[in-house]
Amino acid sequence: MEKASVAERTSQYVREVRAETRKIVWPGVRRTGMYTAVVLVTVGVLALLIYVADLVFGTLLSHV
């Protein structure tokens, strides 16, 4: 059994990638906006928690 050439394997790979890409169900604008809002709120909350922890630890360590 002969091994396929690099060009044939590359061509097959590209065809398979295109076929799989057609199966993707992309989210709509509304859902994308909701996901974006969730990410921004989560990042904001985590940034606030890290800031507060930094203040607390900074204050504690400055008194040592």
PDB file of N, CA and C in Angstrom:
ATOM      1  N   MET A   1       0.847  -1.183   0.000  1.00  0.00           N
ATOM      2  CA  MET A   1       0.000   0.000   0.000  1.00  0.00           C
ATOM      3  C   MET A   1       0.889   1.242   0.000  1.00  0.00           C
ATOM      4  N   GLU A   2       0.686   2.102  -0.988  1.00  0.00           N
ATOM      5  CA  GLU A   2       1.493   3.303  -1.112  1.00  0.00           C
ATOM      6  C   GLU A   2       0.937   4.417  -0.248  1.00  0.00           C
ATOM      7  N   LYS A   3       1.840   5.199   0.287  1.00  0.00           N
ATOM      8  CA  LYS A   3       1.458   6.348   1.086  1.00  0.00           C
ATOM      9  C   LYS A   3       1.077   7.485   0.142  1.00  0.00           C
ATOM     10  N   ALA A   4       0.002   8.219   0.476  1.00  0.00           N
ATOM     11  CA  ALA A   4      -0.441   9.324  -0.364  1.00  0.00           C
ATOM     12  C   ALA A   4       0.597  10.449  -0.317  1.00  0.00           C
ATOM     13  N   SER A   5       0.664  11.212  -1.393  1.00  0.00           N
ATOM     14  CA  SER A   5       1.640  12.302  -1.448  1.00  0.00           C
ATOM     15  C   SER A   5       1.218  13.417  -0.491  1.00  0.00           C
ATOM     16  N   VAL A   6       2.150  14.293  -0.232  1.00  0.00           N
ATOM     17  CA  VAL A   6       1.885  15.421   0.666  1.00  0.00           C
ATOM     18  C   VAL A   6       0.751  16.276   0.108  1.00  0.00           C
ATOM     19  N   ALA A   7       0.746  16.497  -1.182  1.00  0.00           N
ATOM     20  CA  ALA A   7      -0.300  17.316  -1.809  1.00  0.00           C
ATOM     21  C   ALA A   7      -1.672  16.655  -1.643  1.00  0.00           C
ATOM     22  N   GLU A   8      -1.745  15.332  -1.824  1.00  0.00           N
ATOM     23  CA  GLU A   8      -3.022  14.627  -1.671  1.00  0.00           C
ATOM     24  C   GLU A   8      -3.509  14.671  -0.224  1.00  0.00           C
ATOM     25  N   ARG A   9      -2.575  14.460   0.723  1.00  0.00           N
ATOM     26  CA  ARG A   9      -2.957  14.500   2.134  1.00  0.00           C
ATOM     27  C   ARG A   9      -3.405  15.900   2.538  1.00  0.00           C
ATOM     28  N   THR A  10      -2.706  16.920   2.038  1.00  0.00           N
ATOM     29  CA  THR A  10      -3.072  18.302   2.339  1.00  0.00           C
ATOM     30  C   THR A  10      -4.442  18.628   1.764  1.00  0.00           C
ATOM     31  N   SER A  11      -4.679  18.198   0.540  1.00  0.00           N
ATOM     32  CA  SER A  11      -5.964  18.431  -0.112  1.00  0.00           C
ATOM     33  C   SER A  11      -7.101  17.760   0.659  1.00  0.00           C
ATOM     34  N   GLN A  12      -6.879  16.538   1.087  1.00  0.00           N
ATOM     35  CA  GLN A  12      -7.890  15.817   1.854  1.00  0.00           C
ATOM     36  C   GLN A  12      -8.142  16.520   3.193  1.00  0.00           C
ATOM     37  N   TYR A  13      -7.070  16.978   3.835  1.00  0.00           N
ATOM     38  CA  TYR A  13      -7.199  17.681   5.108  1.00  0.00           C
ATOM     39  C   TYR A  13      -8.055  18.931   4.951  1.00  0.00           C
ATOM     40  N   VAL A  14      -7.795  19.718   3.900  1.00  0.00           N
ATOM     41  CA  VAL A  14      -8.548  20.946   3.666  1.00  0.00           C
ATOM     42  C   VAL A  14     -10.016  20.624   3.410  1.00  0.00           C
ATOM     43  N   ARG A  15     -10.294  19.583   2.634  1.00  0.00           N
ATOM     44  CA  ARG A  15     -11.692  19.186   2.378  1.00  0.00           C
ATOM     45  C   ARG A  15     -12.391  18.797   3.673  1.00  0.00           C
ATOM     46  N   GLU A  16     -11.705  18.052   4.536  1.00  0.00           N
ATOM     47  CA  GLU A  16     -12.300  17.632   5.795  1.00  0.00           C
ATOM     48  C   GLU A  16     -12.545  18.818   6.722  1.00  0.00           C
ATOM     49  N   VAL A  17     -11.618  19.770   6.738  1.00  0.00           N
ATOM     50  CA  VAL A  17     -11.789  20.967   7.568  1.00  0.00           C
ATOM     51  C   VAL A  17     -12.997  21.763   7.088  1.00  0.00           C
ATOM     52  N   ARG A  18     -13.140  21.927   5.785  1.00  0.00           N
ATOM     53  CA  ARG A  18     -14.300  22.649   5.242  1.00  0.00           C
ATOM     54  C   ARG A  18     -15.598  21.931   5.595  1.00  0.00           C
ATOM     55  N   ALA A  19     -15.614  20.617   5.497  1.00  0.00           N
ATOM     56  CA  ALA A  19     -16.816  19.850   5.825  1.00  0.00           C
ATOM     57  C   ALA A  19     -17.181  20.024   7.290  1.00  0.00           C
ATOM     58  N   GLU A  20     -16.190  19.988   8.180  1.00  0.00           N
ATOM     59  CA  GLU A  20     -16.466  20.163   9.606  1.00  0.00           C
ATOM     60  C   GLU A  20     -16.898  21.587   9.913  1.00  0.00           C
ATOM     61  N   THR A  21     -16.324  22.570   9.222  1.00  0.00           N
ATOM     62  CA  THR A  21     -16.676  23.971   9.452  1.00  0.00           C
ATOM     63  C   THR A  21     -18.133  24.231   9.073  1.00  0.00           C
ATOM     64  N   ARG A  22     -18.629  23.542   8.052  1.00  0.00           N
ATOM     65  CA  ARG A  22     -20.036  23.716   7.654  1.00  0.00           C
ATOM     66  C   ARG A  22     -21.001  23.220   8.724  1.00  0.00           C
ATOM     67  N   LYS A  23     -20.543  22.334   9.604  1.00  0.00           N
ATOM     68  CA  LYS A  23     -21.402  21.782  10.652  1.00  0.00           C
ATOM     69  C   LYS A  23     -21.541  22.701  11.856  1.00  0.00           C
ATOM     70  N   ILE A  24     -20.719  23.742  11.934  1.00  0.00           N
ATOM     71  CA  ILE A  24     -20.734  24.639  13.088  1.00  0.00           C
ATOM     72  C   ILE A  24     -22.017  25.455  13.091  1.00  0.00           C
ATOM     73  N   VAL A  25     -22.641  25.550  14.262  1.00  0.00           N
ATOM     74  CA  VAL A  25     -23.812  26.402  14.436  1.00  0.00           C
ATOM     75  C   VAL A  25     -23.331  27.652  15.177  1.00  0.00           C
ATOM     76  N   TRP A  26     -23.250  28.764  14.463  1.00  0.00           N
ATOM     77  CA  TRP A  26     -22.746  29.999  15.044  1.00  0.00           C
ATOM     78  C   TRP A  26     -23.832  30.668  15.864  1.00  0.00           C
ATOM     79  N   PRO A  27     -23.480  31.263  17.009  1.00  0.00           N
ATOM     80  CA  PRO A  27     -24.486  31.948  17.827  1.00  0.00           C
ATOM     81  C   PRO A  27     -24.953  33.235  17.149  1.00  0.00           C
ATOM     82  N   GLY A  28     -26.178  33.628  17.460  1.00  0.00           N
ATOM     83  CA  GLY A  28     -26.716  34.860  16.901  1.00  0.00           C
ATOM     84  C   GLY A  28     -26.164  36.083  17.614  1.00  0.00           C
ATOM     85  N   VAL A  29     -26.560  37.244  17.133  1.00  0.00           N
ATOM     86  CA  VAL A  29     -26.065  38.507  17.695  1.00  0.00           C
ATOM     87  C   VAL A  29     -26.509  38.653  19.148  1.00  0.00           C
ATOM     88  N   ARG A  30     -27.756  38.315  19.438  1.00  0.00           N
ATOM     89  CA  ARG A  30     -28.278  38.466  20.803  1.00  0.00           C
ATOM     90  C   ARG A  30     -27.520  37.567  21.778  1.00  0.00           C
ATOM     91  N   ARG A  31     -27.327  36.316  21.408  1.00  0.00           N
ATOM     92  CA  ARG A  31     -26.619  35.371  22.281  1.00  0.00           C
ATOM     93  C   ARG A  31     -25.156  35.795  22.466  1.00  0.00           C
ATOM     94  N   THR A  32     -24.535  36.281  21.399  1.00  0.00           N
ATOM     95  CA  THR A  32     -23.155  36.752  21.494  1.00  0.00           C
ATOM     96  C   THR A  32     -23.070  37.932  22.454  1.00  0.00           C
ATOM     97  N   GLY A  33     -24.045  38.826  22.395  1.00  0.00           N
ATOM     98  CA  GLY A  33     -24.083  39.959  23.319  1.00  0.00           C
ATOM     99  C   GLY A  33     -24.241  39.505  24.760  1.00  0.00           C
ATOM    100  N   MET A  34     -25.080  38.499  24.985  1.00  0.00           N
ATOM    101  CA  MET A  34     -25.262  37.975  26.341  1.00  0.00           C
ATOM    102  C   MET A  34     -23.966  37.340  26.847  1.00  0.00           C
ATOM    103  N   TYR A  35     -23.318  36.558  26.012  1.00  0.00           N
ATOM    104  CA  TYR A  35     -22.060  35.934  26.406  1.00  0.00           C
ATOM    105  C   TYR A  35     -21.008  36.999  26.732  1.00  0.00           C
ATOM    106  N   THR A  36     -20.955  38.043  25.923  1.00  0.00           N
ATOM    107  CA  THR A  36     -20.004  39.128  26.151  1.00  0.00           C
ATOM    108  C   THR A  36     -20.276  39.804  27.487  1.00  0.00           C
ATOM    109  N   ALA A  37     -21.551  40.054  27.778  1.00  0.00           N
ATOM    110  CA  ALA A  37     -21.911  40.686  29.055  1.00  0.00           C
ATOM    111  C   ALA A  37     -21.518  39.805  30.231  1.00  0.00           C
ATOM    112  N   VAL A  38     -21.748  38.510  30.133  1.00  0.00           N
ATOM    113  CA  VAL A  38     -21.384  37.590  31.208  1.00  0.00           C
ATOM    114  C   VAL A  38     -19.870  37.610  31.428  1.00  0.00           C
ATOM    115  N   VAL A  39     -19.116  37.597  30.354  1.00  0.00           N
ATOM    116  CA  VAL A  39     -17.648  37.615  30.476  1.00  0.00           C
ATOM    117  C   VAL A  39     -17.184  38.921  31.117  1.00  0.00           C
ATOM    118  N   LEU A  40     -17.733  40.055  30.679  1.00  0.00           N
ATOM    119  CA  LEU A  40     -17.313  41.343  31.233  1.00  0.00           C
ATOM    120  C   LEU A  40     -17.657  41.467  32.714  1.00  0.00           C
ATOM    121  N   VAL A  41     -18.848  41.015  33.101  1.00  0.00           N
ATOM    122  CA  VAL A  41     -19.236  41.061  34.512  1.00  0.00           C
ATOM    123  C   VAL A  41     -18.335  40.150  35.335  1.00  0.00           C
ATOM    124  N   THR A  42     -18.079  38.953  34.855  1.00  0.00           N
ATOM    125  CA  THR A  42     -17.213  38.014  35.566  1.00  0.00           C
ATOM    126  C   THR A  42     -15.810  38.584  35.741  1.00  0.00           C
ATOM    127  N   VAL A  43     -15.255  39.147  34.688  1.00  0.00           N
ATOM    128  CA  VAL A  43     -13.920  39.746  34.771  1.00  0.00           C
ATOM    129  C   VAL A  43     -13.927  40.909  35.757  1.00  0.00           C
ATOM    130  N   GLY A  44     -14.971  41.724  35.721  1.00  0.00           N
ATOM    131  CA  GLY A  44     -15.065  42.845  36.655  1.00  0.00           C
ATOM    132  C   GLY A  44     -15.118  42.391  38.100  1.00  0.00           C
ATOM    133  N   VAL A  45     -15.931  41.369  38.381  1.00  0.00           N
ATOM    134  CA  VAL A  45     -16.046  40.847  39.747  1.00  0.00           C
ATOM    135  C   VAL A  45     -14.714  40.261  40.210  1.00  0.00           C
ATOM    136  N   LEU A  46     -14.070  39.484  39.365  1.00  0.00           N
ATOM    137  CA  LEU A  46     -12.783  38.905  39.735  1.00  0.00           C
ATOM    138  C   LEU A  46     -11.712  39.983  39.930  1.00  0.00           C
ATOM    139  N   ALA A  47     -11.722  41.010  39.108  1.00  0.00           N
ATOM    140  CA  ALA A  47     -10.763  42.108  39.270  1.00  0.00           C
ATOM    141  C   ALA A  47     -10.992  42.807  40.602  1.00  0.00           C
ATOM    142  N   LEU A  48     -12.247  43.021  40.969  1.00  0.00           N
ATOM    143  CA  LEU A  48     -12.569  43.642  42.244  1.00  0.00           C
ATOM    144  C   LEU A  48     -12.107  42.771  43.416  1.00  0.00           C
ATOM    145  N   LEU A  49     -12.335  41.471  43.324  1.00  0.00           N
ATOM    146  CA  LEU A  49     -11.895  40.565  44.385  1.00  0.00           C
ATOM    147  C   LEU A  49     -10.373  40.564  44.532  1.00  0.00           C
ATOM    148  N   ILE A  50      -9.671  40.565  43.422  1.00  0.00           N
ATOM    149  CA  ILE A  50      -8.208  40.590  43.472  1.00  0.00           C
ATOM    150  C   ILE A  50      -7.724  41.916  44.050  1.00  0.00           C
ATOM    151  N   TYR A  51      -8.368  43.014  43.691  1.00  0.00           N
ATOM    152  CA  TYR A  51      -8.004  44.331  44.219  1.00  0.00           C
ATOM    153  C   TYR A  51      -8.196  44.376  45.733  1.00  0.00           C
ATOM    154  N   VAL A  52      -9.326  43.875  46.213  1.00  0.00           N
ATOM    155  CA  VAL A  52      -9.600  43.852  47.646  1.00  0.00           C
ATOM    156  C   VAL A  52      -8.596  42.951  48.371  1.00  0.00           C
ATOM    157  N   ALA A  53      -8.305  41.792  47.814  1.00  0.00           N
ATOM    158  CA  ALA A  53      -7.325  40.894  48.423  1.00  0.00           C
ATOM    159  C   ALA A  53      -5.960  41.562  48.476  1.00  0.00           C
ATOM    160  N   ASP A  54      -5.596  42.276  47.426  1.00  0.00           N
ATOM    161  CA  ASP A  54      -4.320  42.982  47.397  1.00  0.00           C
ATOM    162  C   ASP A  54      -4.270  44.049  48.482  1.00  0.00           C
ATOM    163  N   LEU A  55      -5.353  44.790  48.654  1.00  0.00           N
ATOM    164  CA  LEU A  55      -5.402  45.803  49.708  1.00  0.00           C
ATOM    165  C   LEU A  55      -5.255  45.172  51.089  1.00  0.00           C
ATOM    166  N   VAL A  56      -5.980  44.081  51.311  1.00  0.00           N
ATOM    167  CA  VAL A  56      -5.953  43.418  52.617  1.00  0.00           C
ATOM    168  C   VAL A  56      -4.559  42.876  52.906  1.00  0.00           C
ATOM    169  N   PHE A  57      -3.994  42.144  51.977  1.00  0.00           N
ATOM    170  CA  PHE A  57      -2.673  41.572  52.198  1.00  0.00           C
ATOM    171  C   PHE A  57      -1.602  42.658  52.279  1.00  0.00           C
ATOM    172  N   GLY A  58      -1.732  43.701  51.486  1.00  0.00           N
ATOM    173  CA  GLY A  58      -0.782  44.805  51.549  1.00  0.00           C
ATOM    174  C   GLY A  58      -0.801  45.490  52.904  1.00  0.00           C
ATOM    175  N   THR A  59      -2.002  45.695  53.429  1.00  0.00           N
ATOM    176  CA  THR A  59      -2.148  46.324  54.738  1.00  0.00           C
ATOM    177  C   THR A  59      -1.593  45.411  55.826  1.00  0.00           C
ATOM    178  N   LEU A  60      -1.913  44.132  55.764  1.00  0.00           N
ATOM    179  CA  LEU A  60      -1.411  43.195  56.769  1.00  0.00           C
ATOM    180  C   LEU A  60       0.099  43.093  56.755  1.00  0.00           C
ATOM    181  N   LEU A  61       0.681  43.018  55.567  1.00  0.00           N
ATOM    182  CA  LEU A  61       2.122  42.849  55.461  1.00  0.00           C
ATOM    183  C   LEU A  61       2.895  44.132  55.777  1.00  0.00           C
ATOM    184  N   SER A  62       2.250  45.282  55.609  1.00  0.00           N
ATOM    185  CA  SER A  62       2.945  46.541  55.916  1.00  0.00           C
ATOM    186  C   SER A  62       3.084  46.728  57.430  1.00  0.00           C
ATOM    187  N   HIS A  63       2.277  46.035  58.218  1.00  0.00           N
ATOM    188  CA  HIS A  63       2.320  46.132  59.670  1.00  0.00           C
ATOM    189  C   HIS A  63       3.231  45.071  60.289  1.00  0.00           C
ATOM    190  N   VAL A  64       3.842  44.252  59.485  1.00  0.00           N
ATOM    191  CA  VAL A  64       4.684  43.177  60.020  1.00  0.00           C
ATOM    192  C   VAL A  64       6.111  43.640  60.132  1.00  0.00           C
TER     193      VAL A  64
END
